[in-house]
Amino acid sequence: MLAAKTSPEVTAAAKPLVSITNVQKTYFTRQAPVQAVASTSVDVARGEFVSLLGPSGCGKSTLLMMIAGLEQPTGGSISLAGSEVREPRRDIGIIFQDATLLPWKSALDNVLFPVRILRLPIEPYRRRARELLAMVGLSDFENKKPSQLSGGMRQRVAICRALIHDPDILLMDEPFSALDAITRDQMNVALSEILETHKKTVIFVTHSIREAAFLSDRVVVMGGRPSTIMLDMKMPFERPRRFEIEETPEFVAVCRKLRLTIEQAHTGVPSQIPAAKQRGVVE
């Protein structure tokens, strides 16, 4: 059967924004080389929210740091919009597990800090910084120092800081893992609302199955050492999302499938997911 021809315009539109091709990472120690990431290939489309899910130590953050240009792969390649990543880039915003705010600066000045680093004119961005803080409910706290803010507030400031220079891609490395359960749930909803306004491509590292299922368009399960991709699964939930979906049988079934895949990575015992669906994107 002949495949239908695709116009150049459609082909160009279908190209992934982020392309990870046969990427490997090996750390060379005095004792012996340690392979953290085995040959890994993942594509991320523009505007997509993809979570890297897996237990601590499985290579999720290492892969994220290579995408950010903060680590270099020892094999394979990573490209953004067709350009190979070799160093940190202005079109990438990063949010870490710790908010890493400057303690002597106000919330507003912390949001503006990347603008100063990039040597951009401050005044045009000051209004944007205030708009971002207002969007996350921190208008009344723009002059407060980090020590005067709660953990959730500090992470909201960190999100604003990552968005201030309008990057194409947000990389988030377990940004809510240090928060209590209630605040973490609130931050998941806040992040969803932020991304409804500021459409970004997001790669999000987490070890929370429920968080990955709630936030993502796709969840990529990583496991083993060296890390490999166990499952690449599309989430069947429409946006905008509220926590009521977590009570549905469909959400419970998705979380169960993700959990079984992670358990297989640990034990080597085949999960109840059909073998044909263990690789590639599961609908």
Protein backbone atom coordinates (compact mmCIF):
# COMPACT_ATOMS: atom_id res chain seq x y z
CA MET A 1 0.00 0.00 0.00
CA LEU A 2 1.41 3.39 -1.02
CA ALA A 3 1.87 5.92 1.77
CA ALA A 4 0.09 9.23 1.30
CA LYS A 5 2.36 12.09 0.32
CA THR A 6 2.84 14.82 2.88
CA SER A 7 3.35 18.45 1.91
CA PRO A 8 6.61 20.15 2.97
CA GLU A 9 4.59 22.50 5.21
CA VAL A 10 2.97 19.63 7.12
CA THR A 11 6.31 17.80 7.40
CA ALA A 12 7.99 20.89 8.83
CA ALA A 13 5.18 21.41 11.34
CA ALA A 14 5.44 17.80 12.46
CA LYS A 15 9.14 18.01 13.29
CA PRO A 16 9.79 17.71 17.03
CA LEU A 17 11.03 20.74 18.94
CA VAL A 18 13.27 18.53 21.10
CA SER A 19 14.95 15.50 19.57
CA ILE A 20 16.95 13.12 21.79
CA THR A 21 18.71 10.52 19.64
CA ASN A 22 20.60 7.51 21.03
CA VAL A 23 21.86 9.59 23.97
CA GLN A 24 24.21 7.98 26.47
CA LYS A 25 25.95 9.28 29.56
CA THR A 26 28.92 7.65 31.26
CA TYR A 27 30.76 9.10 34.25
CA PHE A 28 34.42 8.19 34.43
CA THR A 29 35.54 7.58 38.00
CA ARG A 30 38.81 6.36 39.46
CA GLN A 31 37.33 2.96 40.20
CA ALA A 32 35.45 2.24 36.96
CA PRO A 33 33.22 3.94 34.40
CA VAL A 34 29.61 4.34 35.54
CA GLN A 35 26.98 4.40 32.81
CA ALA A 36 24.06 6.54 34.00
CA VAL A 37 21.98 6.62 30.81
CA ALA A 38 21.92 3.91 28.18
CA SER A 39 21.02 4.60 24.53
CA THR A 40 17.87 6.75 24.83
CA SER A 41 15.71 8.32 22.12
CA VAL A 42 12.72 10.60 22.75
CA ASP A 43 11.05 13.33 20.70
CA VAL A 44 9.02 16.16 22.21
CA ALA A 45 6.63 18.23 20.09
CA ARG A 46 6.24 21.98 20.42
CA GLY A 47 3.75 22.80 23.17
CA GLU A 48 3.84 19.30 24.66
CA PHE A 49 4.16 18.55 28.38
CA VAL A 50 6.28 15.41 28.84
CA SER A 51 7.14 13.93 32.23
CA LEU A 52 10.18 11.75 32.87
CA LEU A 53 8.93 9.39 35.57
CA GLY A 54 10.94 6.93 37.59
CA PRO A 55 12.53 6.17 40.96
CA SER A 56 15.39 8.23 42.38
CA GLY A 57 18.73 7.47 40.76
CA CYS A 58 17.37 6.18 37.45
CA GLY A 59 18.93 8.94 35.31
CA LYS A 60 15.98 11.32 34.87
CA SER A 61 17.80 14.41 36.11
CA THR A 62 20.96 13.48 34.22
CA LEU A 63 18.97 13.37 30.98
CA LEU A 64 17.31 16.70 31.84
CA MET A 65 20.69 18.36 32.49
CA MET A 66 21.93 17.14 29.11
CA ILE A 67 18.87 18.68 27.45
CA ALA A 68 19.68 21.92 29.29
CA GLY A 69 23.26 21.87 28.01
CA LEU A 70 24.63 21.69 31.57
CA GLU A 71 25.94 18.15 30.98
CA GLN A 72 27.36 16.75 27.75
CA PRO A 73 26.33 13.29 26.48
CA THR A 74 29.07 10.74 25.90
CA GLY A 75 27.14 9.37 22.94
CA GLY A 76 24.25 10.38 20.69
CA SER A 77 22.87 13.88 20.25
CA ILE A 78 20.24 16.32 21.52
CA SER A 79 18.82 19.04 19.31
CA LEU A 80 16.36 21.88 19.83
CA ALA A 81 14.55 23.12 16.73
CA GLY A 82 17.18 21.33 14.62
CA SER A 83 20.15 22.91 16.41
CA GLU A 84 22.40 20.63 18.47
CA VAL A 85 22.64 21.46 22.17
CA ARG A 86 26.26 22.03 23.19
CA GLU A 87 25.88 24.59 26.00
CA PRO A 88 23.19 26.39 28.04
CA ARG A 89 20.79 28.35 25.85
CA ARG A 90 18.66 31.44 26.24
CA ASP A 91 15.58 29.67 24.84
CA ILE A 92 15.52 27.25 27.81
CA GLY A 93 14.23 28.03 31.31
CA ILE A 94 15.14 25.73 34.20
CA ILE A 95 13.38 25.18 37.54
CA PHE A 96 15.19 23.05 40.11
CA GLN A 97 13.99 21.11 43.15
CA ASP A 98 15.14 23.96 45.38
CA ALA A 99 13.92 27.42 44.37
CA THR A 100 17.55 28.69 44.60
CA LEU A 101 16.44 32.28 45.16
CA LEU A 102 19.01 34.91 46.13
CA PRO A 103 18.27 35.50 49.85
CA TRP A 104 19.22 39.19 49.83
CA LYS A 105 16.93 40.08 46.92
CA SER A 106 13.17 40.65 46.91
CA ALA A 107 10.77 38.37 45.06
CA LEU A 108 10.56 40.93 42.25
CA ASP A 109 14.34 41.24 41.94
CA ASN A 110 14.73 37.45 41.96
CA VAL A 111 12.31 37.23 39.04
CA LEU A 112 14.32 39.90 37.20
CA PHE A 113 17.69 38.26 37.92
CA PRO A 114 17.92 36.35 34.55
CA VAL A 115 17.24 39.64 32.76
CA ARG A 116 20.29 41.16 34.45
CA ILE A 117 22.41 38.09 33.67
CA LEU A 118 21.39 38.29 30.00
CA ARG A 119 22.13 42.04 30.07
CA LEU A 120 18.69 42.94 28.80
CA PRO A 121 17.08 46.32 29.54
CA ILE A 122 15.40 46.01 32.97
CA GLU A 123 12.48 48.42 32.69
CA PRO A 124 10.59 46.65 29.86
CA TYR A 125 10.76 43.43 31.89
CA ARG A 126 9.74 44.96 35.23
CA ARG A 127 6.10 45.16 34.15
CA ARG A 128 6.21 41.58 32.89
CA ALA A 129 7.71 40.43 36.22
CA ARG A 130 4.86 42.09 38.13
CA GLU A 131 2.29 40.51 35.79
CA LEU A 132 3.83 37.07 36.36
CA LEU A 133 3.83 37.53 40.15
CA ALA A 134 0.20 38.66 40.00
CA MET A 135 -0.70 35.59 37.95
CA VAL A 136 0.64 33.29 40.70
CA GLY A 137 -1.03 35.30 43.48
CA LEU A 138 2.07 37.09 44.79
CA SER A 139 1.32 40.73 43.98
CA ASP A 140 1.37 41.62 47.68
CA PHE A 141 4.71 39.82 48.20
CA GLU A 142 6.90 41.29 45.47
CA ASN A 143 9.05 43.18 48.01
CA LYS A 144 9.41 40.24 50.41
CA LYS A 145 12.71 38.36 50.79
CA PRO A 146 12.76 34.56 50.31
CA SER A 147 12.97 34.02 54.09
CA GLN A 148 9.59 35.74 54.39
CA LEU A 149 7.91 33.39 51.90
CA SER A 150 6.58 29.87 52.30
CA GLY A 151 8.04 26.98 50.29
CA GLY A 152 5.18 27.09 47.81
CA MET A 153 5.57 30.84 47.39
CA ARG A 154 9.30 30.47 46.73
CA GLN A 155 8.62 27.93 44.00
CA ARG A 156 6.05 30.27 42.43
CA VAL A 157 8.75 32.94 42.31
CA ALA A 158 11.11 30.40 40.71
CA ILE A 159 8.50 29.64 38.02
CA CYS A 160 8.09 33.36 37.31
CA ARG A 161 11.87 33.72 37.11
CA ALA A 162 12.05 30.91 34.55
CA LEU A 163 9.31 32.55 32.45
CA ILE A 164 10.57 36.15 32.60
CA HIS A 165 12.63 36.00 29.36
CA ASP A 166 9.92 33.99 27.56
CA PRO A 167 11.88 30.79 26.77
CA ASP A 168 10.48 28.23 24.35
CA ILE A 169 11.16 25.31 26.69
CA LEU A 170 10.77 24.83 30.45
CA LEU A 171 12.84 22.11 32.12
CA MET A 172 11.61 21.24 35.61
CA ASP A 173 13.63 18.97 37.90
CA GLU A 174 11.29 17.68 40.65
CA PRO A 175 10.29 21.26 41.53
CA PHE A 176 7.61 20.31 44.06
CA SER A 177 9.15 17.27 45.75
CA ALA A 178 10.24 19.18 48.88
CA LEU A 179 6.73 20.57 49.50
CA ASP A 180 4.06 19.05 51.73
CA ALA A 181 1.30 17.07 50.03
CA ILE A 182 -1.34 19.81 50.17
CA THR A 183 0.99 22.54 48.87
CA ARG A 184 2.25 20.17 46.17
CA ASP A 185 -1.30 19.59 44.93
CA GLN A 186 -1.89 23.34 44.91
CA MET A 187 1.29 23.88 42.91
CA ASN A 188 0.24 21.25 40.35
CA VAL A 189 -3.01 23.13 39.76
CA ALA A 190 -1.16 26.47 39.68
CA LEU A 191 1.33 25.15 37.11
CA SER A 192 -1.50 23.86 34.92
CA GLU A 193 -3.19 27.27 35.06
CA ILE A 194 0.07 29.08 34.27
CA LEU A 195 0.66 26.91 31.21
CA GLU A 196 -2.86 27.56 29.96
CA THR A 197 -1.82 31.23 29.71
CA HIS A 198 1.85 30.82 28.76
CA LYS A 199 2.00 27.99 26.24
CA LYS A 200 5.36 26.30 26.69
CA THR A 201 7.03 23.02 25.85
CA VAL A 202 7.73 21.37 29.21
CA ILE A 203 9.95 18.44 30.21
CA PHE A 204 9.21 17.62 33.83
CA VAL A 205 11.15 15.22 36.06
CA THR A 206 9.23 13.52 38.88
CA HIS A 207 9.04 10.30 40.87
CA SER A 208 5.35 10.85 41.63
CA ILE A 209 3.07 8.71 39.47
CA ARG A 210 -0.03 10.75 40.30
CA GLU A 211 1.74 14.05 39.57
CA ALA A 212 3.01 12.81 36.20
CA ALA A 213 -0.42 11.52 35.17
CA PHE A 214 -2.19 14.72 36.22
CA LEU A 215 0.18 17.21 34.58
CA SER A 216 1.38 15.53 31.42
CA ASP A 217 0.42 15.03 27.81
CA ARG A 218 2.86 12.10 27.76
CA VAL A 219 4.67 10.18 30.48
CA VAL A 220 8.02 8.54 29.72
CA VAL A 221 8.88 5.89 32.32
CA MET A 222 12.61 5.43 32.95
CA GLY A 223 14.18 2.65 34.94
CA GLY A 224 17.23 0.51 35.45
CA ARG A 225 20.87 1.45 35.72
CA PRO A 226 22.00 2.41 33.18
CA SER A 227 18.68 4.08 32.58
CA THR A 228 16.45 2.92 29.75
CA ILE A 229 12.97 3.92 28.58
CA MET A 230 10.41 1.36 29.72
CA LEU A 231 7.24 3.03 28.44
CA ASP A 232 6.14 6.14 26.53
CA MET A 233 2.45 6.70 27.19
CA LYS A 234 -0.02 9.39 26.13
CA MET A 235 -2.39 10.67 28.80
CA PRO A 236 -6.07 10.45 27.78
CA PHE A 237 -7.30 13.42 29.84
CA GLU A 238 -8.56 16.67 28.34
CA ARG A 239 -7.39 20.09 29.50
CA PRO A 240 -7.96 22.10 31.63
CA ARG A 241 -7.68 19.50 34.40
CA ARG A 242 -8.90 19.59 37.97
CA PHE A 243 -8.26 17.09 40.73
CA GLU A 244 -11.66 15.49 40.28
CA ILE A 245 -10.18 13.43 37.44
CA GLU A 246 -8.05 11.54 39.98
CA GLU A 247 -11.23 9.91 41.28
CA THR A 248 -12.15 8.45 37.88
CA PRO A 249 -11.55 4.80 36.93
CA GLU A 250 -9.61 5.98 33.86
CA PHE A 251 -7.10 7.91 35.97
CA VAL A 252 -6.68 4.99 38.37
CA ALA A 253 -6.05 2.63 35.43
CA VAL A 254 -3.40 4.95 33.96
CA CYS A 255 -1.59 5.19 37.33
CA ARG A 256 -1.72 1.41 37.70
CA LYS A 257 -0.12 0.90 34.29
CA LEU A 258 2.65 3.35 35.13
CA ARG A 259 3.23 1.70 38.52
CA LEU A 260 3.43 -1.79 37.02
CA THR A 261 6.04 -0.58 34.54
CA ILE A 262 8.18 0.92 37.30
CA GLU A 263 7.88 -2.29 39.35
CA GLN A 264 9.06 -4.28 36.34
CA ALA A 265 12.12 -2.03 36.08
CA HIS A 266 12.98 -2.86 39.70
CA THR A 267 12.23 -6.57 39.78
CA GLY A 268 12.69 -7.70 36.19
CA VAL A 269 9.34 -9.51 36.46
CA PRO A 270 7.13 -8.75 33.44
CA SER A 271 4.22 -6.48 34.22
CA GLN A 272 0.67 -7.09 33.08
CA ILE A 273 1.09 -4.58 30.24
CA PRO A 274 1.07 -6.34 26.85
CA ALA A 275 4.64 -6.75 25.55
CA ALA A 276 3.77 -5.04 22.27
CA LYS A 277 3.03 -1.83 24.17
CA GLN A 278 6.18 -1.73 26.22
CA ARG A 279 8.00 0.29 23.54
CA GLY A 280 6.83 3.28 21.59
CA VAL A 281 3.99 5.58 22.48
CA VAL A 282 1.00 3.85 24.05
CA GLU A 283 -2.30 5.45 23.16
